[in-house]
Amino acid sequence: MAGITFSVYTRIPEADIYPAGLAFSVHIAYSRGSEAPQPLNKNYGILFEKGDISDQNQIMPRGVRDPRVFAMEDGAYGICGQRTYENGDLDEACADQLLLWTTKDFIRFERVGLVDPAELTHWQPDTSVEVDEAIAEKAITYWTPVENIGLEVPRQVEITCEAQLDEICATALYSDGSRAVKKLHWDTTGIDFSKPGTYQAEAIVGQPPLRFPLANGYGDPVLLKWEGKWHFIATNDNLDDVGLYIRQGDTVEELFRQDVVEHLILPLDPARHLIQTFWAPEFHLIGGELYILFAVGPEKWGPQCHMMKLKKGCSLIEADSWEDPVRVVKADGTPLTEDAITLDMTFIPARSGSYVVWSYREHIMTPMDSGSMLYIATIDETQPWKLTSEPVLLTRPLYGWENVDGTINNEGPYAFIKDHRVYLTYSGGSANAYTYALGLLTADDSDDLLDLSFWHKSHTPVLTYYSVEGEYGPGHNSFYTNDDGELMIAYHAETDIREHLRCDGIRRVHFRQNGRPDFELSNEQDLRQEYRQVKVTVVVKEA
């Protein structure tokens, strides 16, 4: 049987389509026997080099070119290449060395760093290598998009009352071997539940797919179900990011109707120094109280993290229902910063404690710009606006996809916890352009999340403009659970590669066979149109 060969390569940068920060990364393709190579990860980079940090705390982007791959004696594989500047020119400081990564599975990679080329000559690095078949197949599955390939649904069910229909579900099948339970929404018009007999019934499988775009001119979307109603809040680009507005509806679909009402809950207010950058509002239940975490700035431009709490027994959509915003402070009561900006704060309730994560940036839009970076600290849920630990730097935009074409972003963090694992997404690239993308940090929720050794940061973004056709620059997301109990991701993106109007989208988060979350399924990949409606024979029996 012909073996499976993996080849490594970089791409030629294309202005405004695939910039150098993406092109000068390690791409991987595979071929079976004499077949033509097939790119993994949709021909988007997989392995990105980290940038350097200058003495002035600036990030200097770096890339890689002329990659080579080889098999090692211990069953692992090595990938090496020349370190470059962002534009692909050779990094003169290490021109006589090679970058080296190792991997056991072509899924996770360990950066060894710069090595003497003589250390690698006995492995004879080349542009391709034959890979163990079991390892190769797993890597191919990992880097290949998942698709819905079938649906399991009972042809006939026996019940004694209508309520029992709610317990009957379908199961969607996927190309990687994973499965997803889908709730059935029944049309029971022709069934007489008081009369035993056999009936034909139709059911809609799952929630109706949500179109993209849902709303134009809104960034950083967040949804919340509260006291039986759905609510939507976002940065309102249409109003120059001034004021916080909430939409309310009985269903998620109602939140995005043309005639939906937007309720102003926090207006521009010079008396309270609430002037500009009403950015990235998020609902969070902290210590049994509902808060909105957001950033706002005074007369002088400079957004800062704030919180405001819902008053007991009050409606979300009334301005008087909310207490005055409070600026987030450090443990000693001083502001998070005096001369930088803070924004995009989110909350993580873990077994090891309660944490907030936020974005911080110094000298923005000056030659000394530090780029935005994420910090984490603990809080006491009874006073969540006051840190109880020193801030810890969690991540900076060192990879080429995070620091591309002059955008230097780690921002928009948001987490969910599943099976005691924290999944913290964040955004890099340009916040209102096609390079925006989601990164992923993971840790166990019983670990001390202030200890960086417990976190794993993915080399590769988990959602990009290569993920779903027609969606460019997806990022600054949030998560919520829909009425069927499914985890959903809400995000903003653009409708064209040259567009800069942020628009909202929502889709289901899929969990692959290996348990990892997949944020890239289009509506059709999630559930094919032909499976969205089913017919089932319902047998009503005497109780």
Protein backbone atom coordinates (compact mmCIF):
# COMPACT_ATOMS: atom_id res chain seq x y z
CA MET A 1 0.00 0.00 0.00
CA ALA A 2 1.33 3.47 -0.93
CA GLY A 3 2.47 5.57 2.00
CA ILE A 4 1.30 9.04 3.00
CA THR A 5 3.70 11.89 2.40
CA PHE A 6 3.57 15.24 4.18
CA SER A 7 5.16 18.26 2.51
CA VAL A 8 5.88 21.69 3.99
CA TYR A 9 5.92 25.01 2.19
CA THR A 10 5.23 28.73 2.47
CA ARG A 11 3.05 30.81 0.18
CA ILE A 12 3.72 33.87 -1.93
CA PRO A 13 2.26 36.95 -0.21
CA GLU A 14 -0.67 38.57 -2.02
CA ALA A 15 -1.49 42.13 -1.03
CA ASP A 16 -4.98 42.50 0.48
CA ILE A 17 -5.62 38.77 0.03
CA TYR A 18 -2.96 36.80 1.92
CA PRO A 19 -0.37 39.11 3.51
CA ALA A 20 3.22 38.29 4.42
CA GLY A 21 2.38 37.71 8.08
CA LEU A 22 0.29 34.73 6.99
CA ALA A 23 2.26 33.63 3.93
CA PHE A 24 5.60 33.24 5.75
CA SER A 25 4.40 30.45 8.01
CA VAL A 26 4.64 26.69 7.68
CA HIS A 27 1.87 25.24 5.53
CA ILE A 28 1.39 21.49 5.28
CA ALA A 29 0.00 19.32 2.50
CA TYR A 30 -0.38 15.56 2.17
CA SER A 31 -0.43 13.10 -0.69
CA ARG A 32 -1.23 9.41 -0.94
CA GLY A 33 1.08 7.61 -3.33
CA SER A 34 1.32 9.47 -6.63
CA GLU A 35 -1.69 11.69 -5.95
CA ALA A 36 -1.27 15.46 -6.12
CA PRO A 37 -0.64 17.12 -2.73
CA GLN A 38 -3.74 18.34 -0.88
CA PRO A 39 -3.32 21.32 1.48
CA LEU A 40 -4.31 20.92 5.11
CA ASN A 41 -6.15 23.64 7.01
CA LYS A 42 -7.61 24.94 3.71
CA ASN A 43 -4.13 26.16 2.68
CA TYR A 44 -3.94 28.58 5.63
CA GLY A 45 -0.75 28.56 7.70
CA ILE A 46 -0.42 26.02 10.50
CA LEU A 47 2.87 26.83 12.21
CA PHE A 48 3.71 30.48 12.91
CA GLU A 49 6.93 31.92 14.28
CA LYS A 50 6.93 34.22 17.29
CA GLY A 51 8.04 37.82 17.04
CA ASP A 52 10.74 39.45 19.15
CA ILE A 53 10.18 42.02 21.89
CA SER A 54 12.40 45.09 21.75
CA ASP A 55 13.96 46.91 24.68
CA GLN A 56 11.15 49.47 24.24
CA ASN A 57 8.52 46.71 24.68
CA GLN A 58 7.53 46.70 21.02
CA ILE A 59 6.78 43.53 19.07
CA MET A 60 8.90 42.93 15.97
CA PRO A 61 7.11 40.36 13.79
CA ARG A 62 8.98 37.36 12.45
CA GLY A 63 8.24 34.59 9.97
CA VAL A 64 9.79 31.51 8.43
CA ARG A 65 10.80 30.54 4.89
CA ASP A 66 12.27 27.55 3.07
CA PRO A 67 10.79 25.00 5.52
CA ARG A 68 12.04 21.43 5.59
CA VAL A 69 10.73 18.33 7.37
CA PHE A 70 12.32 15.08 8.50
CA ALA A 71 11.77 11.95 10.58
CA MET A 72 13.70 11.59 13.85
CA GLU A 73 14.94 8.45 15.57
CA ASP A 74 12.42 8.57 18.41
CA GLY A 75 9.38 8.46 16.12
CA ALA A 76 8.92 12.23 16.23
CA TYR A 77 9.28 14.58 13.28
CA GLY A 78 11.19 17.81 12.90
CA ILE A 79 10.35 20.93 10.91
CA CYS A 80 13.04 23.52 10.30
CA GLY A 81 13.39 26.70 8.28
CA GLN A 82 15.04 30.07 8.05
CA ARG A 83 13.82 32.78 10.37
CA THR A 84 12.71 35.92 8.57
CA TYR A 85 11.39 39.41 9.07
CA GLU A 86 7.66 39.81 8.42
CA ASN A 87 8.30 40.57 4.74
CA GLY A 88 10.21 37.32 4.23
CA ASP A 89 13.71 38.77 4.22
CA LEU A 90 16.25 36.72 6.14
CA ASP A 91 16.63 37.68 9.82
CA GLU A 92 20.25 38.82 9.81
CA ALA A 93 20.70 38.17 13.52
CA CYS A 94 20.34 34.41 12.94
CA ALA A 95 21.28 33.98 9.29
CA ASP A 96 23.60 31.07 10.08
CA GLN A 97 20.99 29.17 12.13
CA LEU A 98 17.74 27.33 11.53
CA LEU A 99 14.46 27.44 13.40
CA LEU A 100 13.39 24.04 14.67
CA TRP A 101 10.06 22.64 15.79
CA THR A 102 9.30 19.05 16.71
CA THR A 103 6.02 17.18 16.64
CA LYS A 104 4.83 13.66 17.34
CA ASP A 105 1.53 13.98 15.52
CA PHE A 106 1.55 17.06 13.20
CA ILE A 107 -1.15 18.48 15.46
CA ARG A 108 0.80 19.88 18.38
CA PHE A 109 4.22 21.39 17.84
CA GLU A 110 7.04 22.29 20.22
CA ARG A 111 9.30 25.17 19.30
CA VAL A 112 12.89 24.13 20.04
CA GLY A 113 14.29 27.41 18.77
CA LEU A 114 17.39 28.29 16.78
CA VAL A 115 19.91 25.51 16.12
CA ASP A 116 23.11 24.98 14.15
CA PRO A 117 22.24 23.46 10.74
CA ALA A 118 25.04 20.93 11.26
CA GLU A 119 22.97 19.37 14.05
CA LEU A 120 20.28 18.44 11.51
CA THR A 121 22.30 17.24 8.53
CA HIS A 122 22.24 13.55 9.50
CA TRP A 123 18.41 13.66 9.25
CA GLN A 124 18.61 15.07 5.72
CA PRO A 125 15.73 17.58 5.96
CA ASP A 126 13.71 17.86 2.76
CA THR A 127 10.47 19.48 1.62
CA SER A 128 8.57 16.24 2.24
CA VAL A 129 8.67 13.13 4.40
CA GLU A 130 6.77 9.86 4.55
CA VAL A 131 4.68 9.76 7.72
CA ASP A 132 3.45 6.82 9.76
CA GLU A 133 0.02 6.01 8.36
CA ALA A 134 -1.83 6.11 11.69
CA ILE A 135 -0.26 9.46 12.60
CA ALA A 136 -0.91 10.85 9.15
CA GLU A 137 -4.59 9.87 9.09
CA LYS A 138 -5.22 11.48 12.47
CA ALA A 139 -3.49 14.68 11.38
CA ILE A 140 -5.40 14.77 8.10
CA THR A 141 -8.68 14.38 10.00
CA TYR A 142 -7.66 17.09 12.47
CA TRP A 143 -6.82 19.67 9.78
CA THR A 144 -9.69 18.80 7.40
CA PRO A 145 -13.11 20.48 7.75
CA VAL A 146 -15.83 18.39 9.37
CA GLU A 147 -19.03 17.79 7.42
CA ASN A 148 -22.42 16.38 8.29
CA ILE A 149 -22.73 13.03 6.51
CA GLY A 150 -25.90 11.55 7.95
CA LEU A 151 -28.75 11.65 10.44
CA GLU A 152 -30.05 8.95 12.73
CA VAL A 153 -33.72 9.33 13.66
CA PRO A 154 -36.20 6.66 14.77
CA ARG A 155 -38.67 5.67 12.07
CA GLN A 156 -41.30 4.80 14.67
CA VAL A 157 -41.81 5.76 18.30
CA GLU A 158 -44.28 4.60 20.91
CA ILE A 159 -45.62 7.08 23.48
CA THR A 160 -48.47 7.40 25.95
CA CYS A 161 -48.53 11.23 26.16
CA GLU A 162 -47.36 14.26 24.21
CA ALA A 163 -44.64 15.14 26.71
CA GLN A 164 -42.76 11.97 25.81
CA LEU A 165 -42.08 13.34 22.34
CA ASP A 166 -39.69 15.85 23.92
CA GLU A 167 -37.46 12.96 24.96
CA ILE A 168 -36.98 11.75 21.38
CA CYS A 169 -34.00 13.23 19.53
CA ALA A 170 -32.08 12.76 16.31
CA THR A 171 -28.33 12.26 16.07
CA ALA A 172 -26.29 14.01 13.39
CA LEU A 173 -23.23 12.12 12.10
CA TYR A 174 -20.01 13.80 10.95
CA SER A 175 -17.08 12.97 8.73
CA ASP A 176 -14.59 12.66 11.59
CA GLY A 177 -16.72 10.10 13.43
CA SER A 178 -18.22 12.63 15.84
CA ARG A 179 -21.92 12.88 16.63
CA ALA A 180 -24.27 15.62 17.85
CA VAL A 181 -27.68 15.20 19.46
CA LYS A 182 -30.37 17.29 17.74
CA LYS A 183 -33.66 18.12 19.42
CA LEU A 184 -36.80 17.44 17.39
CA HIS A 185 -39.46 20.15 17.15
CA TRP A 186 -42.70 18.37 16.40
CA ASP A 187 -45.74 19.32 14.39
CA THR A 188 -48.44 17.43 16.33
CA THR A 189 -51.42 18.89 14.47
CA GLY A 190 -52.66 15.52 13.22
CA ILE A 191 -52.15 13.55 16.43
CA ASP A 192 -54.93 12.87 18.93
CA PHE A 193 -53.04 12.02 22.11
CA SER A 194 -56.27 10.95 23.83
CA LYS A 195 -56.92 8.28 21.24
CA PRO A 196 -54.60 5.26 20.80
CA GLY A 197 -53.54 4.77 17.21
CA THR A 198 -50.81 5.20 14.62
CA TYR A 199 -50.09 8.65 13.21
CA GLN A 200 -47.62 10.24 10.82
CA ALA A 201 -45.84 13.28 12.23
CA GLU A 202 -43.27 15.73 10.94
CA ALA A 203 -40.50 17.32 12.97
CA ILE A 204 -37.93 20.04 12.41
CA VAL A 205 -34.43 18.93 13.37
CA GLY A 206 -32.68 21.38 15.66
CA GLN A 207 -32.96 25.16 15.79
CA PRO A 208 -33.44 26.99 12.48
CA PRO A 209 -30.09 28.06 10.98
CA LEU A 210 -29.25 31.73 11.43
CA ARG A 211 -28.26 33.70 8.37
CA PHE A 212 -25.14 35.83 8.02
CA PRO A 213 -25.18 38.74 8.48
CA LEU A 214 -27.75 39.05 11.26
CA ALA A 215 -27.19 42.73 12.04
CA ASN A 216 -25.01 45.25 10.19
CA GLY A 217 -22.79 47.71 12.02
CA TYR A 218 -22.49 45.92 15.35
CA GLY A 219 -19.27 44.53 16.80
CA ASP A 220 -18.57 42.27 19.78
CA PRO A 221 -22.05 40.67 20.08
CA VAL A 222 -23.26 39.04 23.31
CA LEU A 223 -26.56 37.22 23.95
CA LEU A 224 -28.24 36.37 27.25
CA LYS A 225 -31.46 34.68 28.23
CA TRP A 226 -32.80 36.34 31.37
CA GLU A 227 -36.17 35.72 33.02
CA GLY A 228 -37.54 34.01 29.92
CA LYS A 229 -36.48 36.68 27.44
CA TRP A 230 -33.51 36.82 25.07
CA HIS A 231 -31.28 39.89 25.12
CA PHE A 232 -28.61 41.22 22.75
CA ILE A 233 -25.93 43.80 23.44
CA ALA A 234 -22.99 44.92 21.30
CA THR A 235 -20.70 47.77 20.34
CA ASN A 236 -22.88 50.02 18.18
CA ASP A 237 -20.71 51.10 15.25
CA ASN A 238 -23.73 52.75 13.63
CA LEU A 239 -23.82 55.36 16.41
CA ASP A 240 -20.06 55.95 16.59
CA ASP A 241 -19.80 53.58 19.55
CA VAL A 242 -21.68 55.98 21.84
CA GLY A 243 -24.15 54.55 24.36
CA LEU A 244 -25.12 51.02 25.39
CA TYR A 245 -28.27 49.56 23.85
CA ILE A 246 -30.11 46.31 24.59
CA ARG A 247 -32.50 44.41 22.34
CA GLN A 248 -35.10 42.07 23.85
CA GLY A 249 -37.13 39.27 22.27
CA ASP A 250 -38.92 36.00 22.94
CA THR A 251 -36.55 34.19 20.56
CA VAL A 252 -33.06 34.75 19.24
CA GLU A 253 -34.54 35.34 15.79
CA GLU A 254 -36.63 38.23 17.14
CA LEU A 255 -33.46 40.03 18.26
CA PHE A 256 -32.52 40.53 14.63
CA ARG A 257 -35.82 41.60 13.10
CA GLN A 258 -35.80 44.81 11.07
CA ASP A 259 -38.27 46.45 13.46
CA VAL A 260 -36.59 45.38 16.69
CA VAL A 261 -36.47 48.09 19.37
CA GLU A 262 -33.13 49.12 20.84
CA HIS A 263 -33.37 50.26 24.46
CA LEU A 264 -30.80 52.83 25.55
CA ILE A 265 -29.57 51.84 29.00
CA LEU A 266 -26.42 53.96 29.26
CA PRO A 267 -26.25 57.21 27.30
CA LEU A 268 -23.44 59.65 26.74
CA ASP A 269 -23.20 61.52 30.05
CA PRO A 270 -20.54 64.24 30.50
CA ALA A 271 -21.51 64.64 34.17
CA ARG A 272 -20.34 61.08 34.80
CA HIS A 273 -17.44 61.33 32.29
CA LEU A 274 -19.07 58.73 30.04
CA ILE A 275 -18.16 60.31 26.73
CA GLN A 276 -16.83 57.85 24.15
CA THR A 277 -15.81 54.28 23.29
CA PHE A 278 -18.76 52.42 24.78
CA TRP A 279 -16.99 49.24 23.75
CA ALA A 280 -17.51 45.48 24.04
CA PRO A 281 -20.31 45.20 26.63
CA GLU A 282 -20.75 41.71 28.09
CA PHE A 283 -23.42 40.24 30.39
CA HIS A 284 -22.01 38.15 33.24
CA LEU A 285 -23.61 36.60 36.31
CA ILE A 286 -21.11 37.16 39.12
CA GLY A 287 -21.85 36.22 42.71
CA GLY A 288 -25.53 35.84 41.87
CA GLU A 289 -25.76 39.38 40.46
CA LEU A 290 -26.01 40.38 36.79
CA TYR A 291 -23.34 42.78 35.56
CA ILE A 292 -22.40 44.39 32.30
CA LEU A 293 -18.63 44.56 31.81
CA PHE A 294 -17.58 47.16 29.24
CA ALA A 295 -15.09 49.90 28.41
CA VAL A 296 -15.82 53.60 28.23
CA GLY A 297 -13.70 56.75 28.02
CA PRO A 298 -13.93 60.33 29.36
CA GLU A 299 -13.29 63.61 27.54
CA LYS A 300 -9.73 62.59 26.66
CA TRP A 301 -9.75 59.51 24.45
CA GLY A 302 -8.83 56.36 26.36
CA PRO A 303 -11.25 53.49 27.09
CA GLN A 304 -11.08 51.89 30.53
CA CYS A 305 -12.74 48.78 31.97
CA HIS A 306 -15.96 49.41 33.91
CA MET A 307 -18.75 47.32 35.43
CA MET A 308 -22.34 48.13 36.26
CA LYS A 309 -24.80 45.98 38.20
CA LEU A 310 -28.48 45.32 37.62
CA LYS A 311 -30.63 46.44 40.52
CA LYS A 312 -32.65 43.75 42.27
CA GLY A 313 -35.89 42.84 40.53
CA CYS A 314 -35.44 45.31 37.68
CA SER A 315 -35.79 44.97 33.94
CA LEU A 316 -32.63 44.86 31.82
CA ILE A 317 -33.99 47.30 29.24
CA GLU A 318 -34.55 50.31 31.51
CA ALA A 319 -31.75 52.80 32.12
CA ASP A 320 -32.81 53.26 35.76
CA SER A 321 -32.46 49.50 36.34
CA TRP A 322 -28.68 49.74 36.38
CA GLU A 323 -26.41 51.09 39.08
CA ASP A 324 -23.79 53.67 38.15
CA PRO A 325 -20.79 52.23 36.29
CA VAL A 326 -17.75 51.55 38.45
CA ARG A 327 -14.21 51.62 37.08
CA VAL A 328 -12.26 48.40 37.67
CA VAL A 329 -9.35 48.89 40.05
CA LYS A 330 -6.37 46.95 41.33
CA ALA A 331 -6.19 45.38 44.78
CA ASP A 332 -4.84 48.60 46.30
CA GLY A 333 -7.76 50.60 44.91
CA THR A 334 -5.80 52.38 42.18
CA PRO A 335 -6.92 52.22 38.51
CA LEU A 336 -5.74 49.39 36.30
CA THR A 337 -3.68 52.01 34.47
CA GLU A 338 -3.11 55.74 34.44
CA ASP A 339 -1.59 56.22 31.00
CA ALA A 340 -2.62 53.19 28.89
CA ILE A 341 -5.96 51.75 27.80
CA THR A 342 -7.90 48.77 29.16
CA LEU A 343 -10.90 47.12 27.53
CA ASP A 344 -12.70 43.88 26.63
CA MET A 345 -12.90 42.55 30.19
CA THR A 346 -14.51 39.13 30.64
CA PHE A 347 -15.19 36.79 33.56
CA ILE A 348 -14.15 33.17 34.16
CA PRO A 349 -15.75 31.22 37.05
CA ALA A 350 -13.36 28.29 37.51
CA ARG A 351 -13.04 25.64 40.20
CA SER A 352 -9.72 27.20 41.23
CA GLY A 353 -11.22 30.65 41.68
CA SER A 354 -12.91 33.59 40.01
CA TYR A 355 -10.93 35.45 37.35
CA VAL A 356 -11.19 38.40 35.01
CA VAL A 357 -9.25 38.72 31.77
CA TRP A 358 -8.87 41.98 29.85
CA SER A 359 -6.90 43.66 27.09
CA TYR A 360 -4.22 46.25 27.88
CA ARG A 361 -2.26 48.49 25.51
CA GLU A 362 0.38 51.18 25.93
CA HIS A 363 1.30 54.05 23.62
CA ILE A 364 -1.39 53.14 21.11
CA MET A 365 -1.00 54.65 17.63
CA THR A 366 2.50 55.93 18.38
CA PRO A 367 5.91 54.55 17.34
CA MET A 368 6.13 53.05 20.85
CA ASP A 369 2.87 51.06 20.54
CA SER A 370 3.12 47.91 22.66
CA GLY A 371 0.23 46.18 20.93
CA SER A 372 -2.76 44.93 22.88
CA MET A 373 -2.12 42.05 25.27
CA LEU A 374 -4.25 40.00 27.64
CA TYR A 375 -3.89 40.12 31.42
CA ILE A 376 -5.57 37.92 34.02
CA ALA A 377 -6.23 38.41 37.75
CA THR A 378 -8.44 37.00 40.49
CA ILE A 379 -11.47 38.74 41.98
CA ASP A 380 -13.83 38.35 44.92
CA GLU A 381 -17.31 37.88 43.42
CA THR A 382 -18.82 40.13 46.08
CA GLN A 383 -16.70 43.02 44.75
CA PRO A 384 -15.84 41.98 41.18
CA TRP A 385 -14.63 45.45 40.17
CA LYS A 386 -11.64 45.13 42.50
CA LEU A 387 -8.81 42.70 41.72
CA THR A 388 -7.54 40.46 44.50
CA SER A 389 -4.22 39.61 42.83
CA GLU A 390 -1.59 41.35 40.79
CA PRO A 391 -2.34 41.30 37.04
CA VAL A 392 -0.46 38.56 35.17
CA LEU A 393 0.43 38.86 31.48
CA LEU A 394 -1.34 35.94 29.79
CA THR A 395 -0.57 36.44 26.10
CA ARG A 396 0.82 38.92 23.58
CA PRO A 397 0.36 38.94 19.77
CA LEU A 398 3.68 37.30 18.93
CA TYR A 399 2.53 34.94 16.16
CA GLY A 400 2.39 36.14 12.57
CA TRP A 401 -1.40 35.75 12.32
CA GLU A 402 -1.90 37.91 15.45
CA ASN A 403 0.52 40.61 14.35
CA VAL A 404 -0.13 41.14 10.66
CA ASP A 405 0.03 44.21 8.43
CA GLY A 406 0.68 46.51 11.39
CA THR A 407 -2.18 45.22 13.56
CA ILE A 408 -0.90 44.07 16.94
CA ASN A 409 -3.85 42.58 18.77
CA ASN A 410 -4.71 40.13 21.51
CA GLU A 411 -8.17 41.27 22.54
CA GLY A 412 -11.80 40.22 22.94
CA PRO A 413 -11.31 37.27 25.35
CA TYR A 414 -14.31 35.09 26.19
CA ALA A 415 -14.43 31.66 27.83
CA PHE A 416 -16.61 28.63 28.23
CA ILE A 417 -15.96 25.59 30.43
CA LYS A 418 -16.69 22.03 29.35
CA ASP A 419 -15.70 18.86 31.19
CA HIS A 420 -13.65 20.97 33.62
CA ARG A 421 -11.62 22.44 30.76
CA VAL A 422 -11.40 26.21 30.21
CA TYR A 423 -11.55 27.26 26.57
CA LEU A 424 -10.59 30.92 26.30
CA THR A 425 -10.94 32.39 22.83
CA TYR A 426 -9.44 35.74 21.92
CA SER A 427 -8.94 37.77 18.74
CA GLY A 428 -5.87 38.84 16.78
CA GLY A 429 -5.31 40.77 13.58
CA SER A 430 -7.37 43.77 12.50
CA ALA A 431 -10.65 44.21 14.40
CA ASN A 432 -12.61 45.44 11.37
CA ALA A 433 -10.84 43.75 8.45
CA TYR A 434 -10.41 40.33 6.90
CA THR A 435 -7.28 39.36 8.87
CA TYR A 436 -9.19 39.25 12.18
CA ALA A 437 -9.14 35.72 13.59
CA LEU A 438 -9.76 33.74 16.76
CA GLY A 439 -7.04 32.18 18.86
CA LEU A 440 -7.50 29.67 21.64
CA LEU A 441 -6.02 29.23 25.11
CA THR A 442 -6.88 26.16 27.18
CA ALA A 443 -6.32 25.07 30.78
CA ASP A 444 -7.91 22.85 33.41
CA ASP A 445 -10.38 24.80 35.52
CA SER A 446 -8.94 23.39 38.74
CA ASP A 447 -5.49 24.78 37.93
CA ASP A 448 -4.19 28.12 39.14
CA LEU A 449 -4.97 30.17 36.07
CA LEU A 450 -2.45 32.81 37.12
CA ASP A 451 0.30 30.23 36.49
CA LEU A 452 1.15 30.41 32.79
CA SER A 453 2.57 26.87 32.81
CA PHE A 454 -0.98 25.51 33.02
CA TRP A 455 -2.11 27.25 29.84
CA HIS A 456 -1.70 25.97 26.29
CA LYS A 457 -1.81 28.49 23.43
CA SER A 458 -2.58 27.22 19.96
CA HIS A 459 -0.02 28.08 17.27
CA THR A 460 -2.82 28.29 14.74
CA PRO A 461 -6.01 30.39 14.80
CA VAL A 462 -9.23 28.41 15.23
CA LEU A 463 -11.47 30.68 13.14
CA THR A 464 -10.35 32.77 10.15
CA TYR A 465 -11.63 34.20 6.87
CA TYR A 466 -10.74 30.82 5.36
CA SER A 467 -13.19 29.03 7.66
CA VAL A 468 -16.66 29.80 6.27
CA GLU A 469 -17.24 31.10 2.76
CA GLY A 470 -18.50 34.68 2.64
CA GLU A 471 -17.38 35.62 6.16
CA TYR A 472 -14.26 37.76 6.45
CA GLY A 473 -12.43 38.66 9.64
CA PRO A 474 -14.51 36.66 12.13
CA GLY A 475 -13.67 37.55 15.71
CA HIS A 476 -14.45 39.14 19.07
CA ASN A 477 -16.90 36.41 19.95
CA SER A 478 -19.00 35.29 22.88
CA PHE A 479 -20.74 32.03 23.77
CA TYR A 480 -24.24 31.17 24.94
CA THR A 481 -26.46 28.09 25.23
CA ASN A 482 -29.55 28.07 23.02
CA ASP A 483 -33.01 26.75 23.87
CA ASP A 484 -32.02 23.27 22.65
CA GLY A 485 -29.06 23.16 25.03
CA GLU A 486 -26.47 23.65 22.28
CA LEU A 487 -23.36 25.80 22.75
CA MET A 488 -23.42 28.70 20.28
CA ILE A 489 -20.79 31.19 19.22
CA ALA A 490 -21.71 34.79 18.37
CA TYR A 491 -19.12 36.89 16.53
CA HIS A 492 -18.70 39.75 14.12
CA ALA A 493 -17.25 39.58 10.61
CA GLU A 494 -17.42 41.41 7.29
CA THR A 495 -19.31 40.42 4.15
CA ASP A 496 -16.44 41.07 1.72
CA ILE A 497 -12.66 40.89 1.89
CA ARG A 498 -12.45 44.66 1.28
CA GLU A 499 -15.36 45.58 3.56
CA HIS A 500 -14.88 47.17 7.00
CA LEU A 501 -18.47 47.15 8.29
CA ARG A 502 -18.73 44.72 11.20
CA CYS A 503 -21.75 42.42 11.03
CA ASP A 504 -22.98 39.76 13.43
CA GLY A 505 -23.17 36.02 12.95
CA ILE A 506 -24.13 33.04 15.13
CA ARG A 507 -23.60 29.32 14.69
CA ARG A 508 -23.27 26.12 16.71
CA VAL A 509 -20.00 25.05 18.32
CA HIS A 510 -19.33 21.47 17.32
CA PHE A 511 -17.26 19.04 19.35
CA ARG A 512 -15.09 16.71 17.33
CA GLN A 513 -14.49 13.05 18.07
CA ASN A 514 -11.35 13.93 20.03
CA GLY A 515 -13.35 16.38 22.15
CA ARG A 516 -11.94 19.63 20.79
CA PRO A 517 -14.34 22.45 19.94
CA ASP A 518 -14.79 23.32 16.28
CA PHE A 519 -15.98 26.87 15.53
CA GLU A 520 -15.82 26.56 11.74
CA LEU A 521 -18.97 24.65 10.72
CA SER A 522 -21.18 26.46 8.26
CA ASN A 523 -24.92 25.85 8.49
CA GLU A 524 -24.70 23.19 5.78
CA GLN A 525 -21.70 21.49 7.41
CA ASP A 526 -23.57 21.45 10.71
CA LEU A 527 -26.72 19.89 9.24
CA ARG A 528 -27.41 19.35 5.58
CA GLN A 529 -30.59 20.89 4.26
CA GLU A 530 -32.07 17.51 3.35
CA TYR A 531 -31.93 16.44 7.02
CA ARG A 532 -33.62 19.48 8.53
CA GLN A 533 -37.11 17.99 8.37
CA VAL A 534 -38.07 14.37 9.09
CA LYS A 535 -41.17 12.18 9.17
CA VAL A 536 -41.76 9.74 12.02
CA THR A 537 -44.51 7.23 12.70
CA VAL A 538 -45.92 7.96 16.15
CA VAL A 539 -47.80 5.18 17.92
CA VAL A 540 -50.01 6.47 20.74
CA LYS A 541 -50.71 3.75 23.30
CA GLU A 542 -52.91 3.70 26.37
CA ALA A 543 -51.26 4.92 29.52
